[in-house]
Amino acid sequence: MKIAKKFLKSNNGFTLQDAVVAAMLFTIFIGVIASIYLTIYRIQGETIINSRVNIFMIQIMERIDLISYEEANENYLNSQLNVEWKEEFEIPNDLSITAQVIPSEYEFDVIKTVKLNFSYMVGDKVQNISVEKLKVKET
């Protein structure tokens, strides 16, 4: 028993208590670093997906600028969004885009509001982005 006490209280190296404390601190440190790394990886993925959706949104809005006022209706826009523009801009199928055209509240039909809704999955969460644009009748 005296030998064990002498070994545990010696100053000639690491004791078992020192090794256990060091192992616990090392485990906690590695856990924190791994958690930070996974969080950074997840946020980076979300940022990349969000930036791609914003690029698609800008491209579609620029295309809506090119169509005439009369063509800017829900049927035409939704058919273009789901077929032609999806292929042209290489939009993935898991990104859902819908268009809604809101007529003007004034008695003259010179302004329409085009609202685009983007819906997509990021991890296990559904993200929704809506953007509105005014379409003005050219005379």
Foldseek 3Di string as FASTA:
>chain_A
DVVVVCQQPDPPDDHPVNVVVVVVVVVVVVVVVVVVVVVVVLVVQVVVVVVLVVVLVVVLVVVVQVDAPVCPAQVNSQVCVVPVSCVVSVPDPQKDKGWHKAFDPDPDGFKIKIKIWIWHDRPNDIDIDIDIDIHGHDD
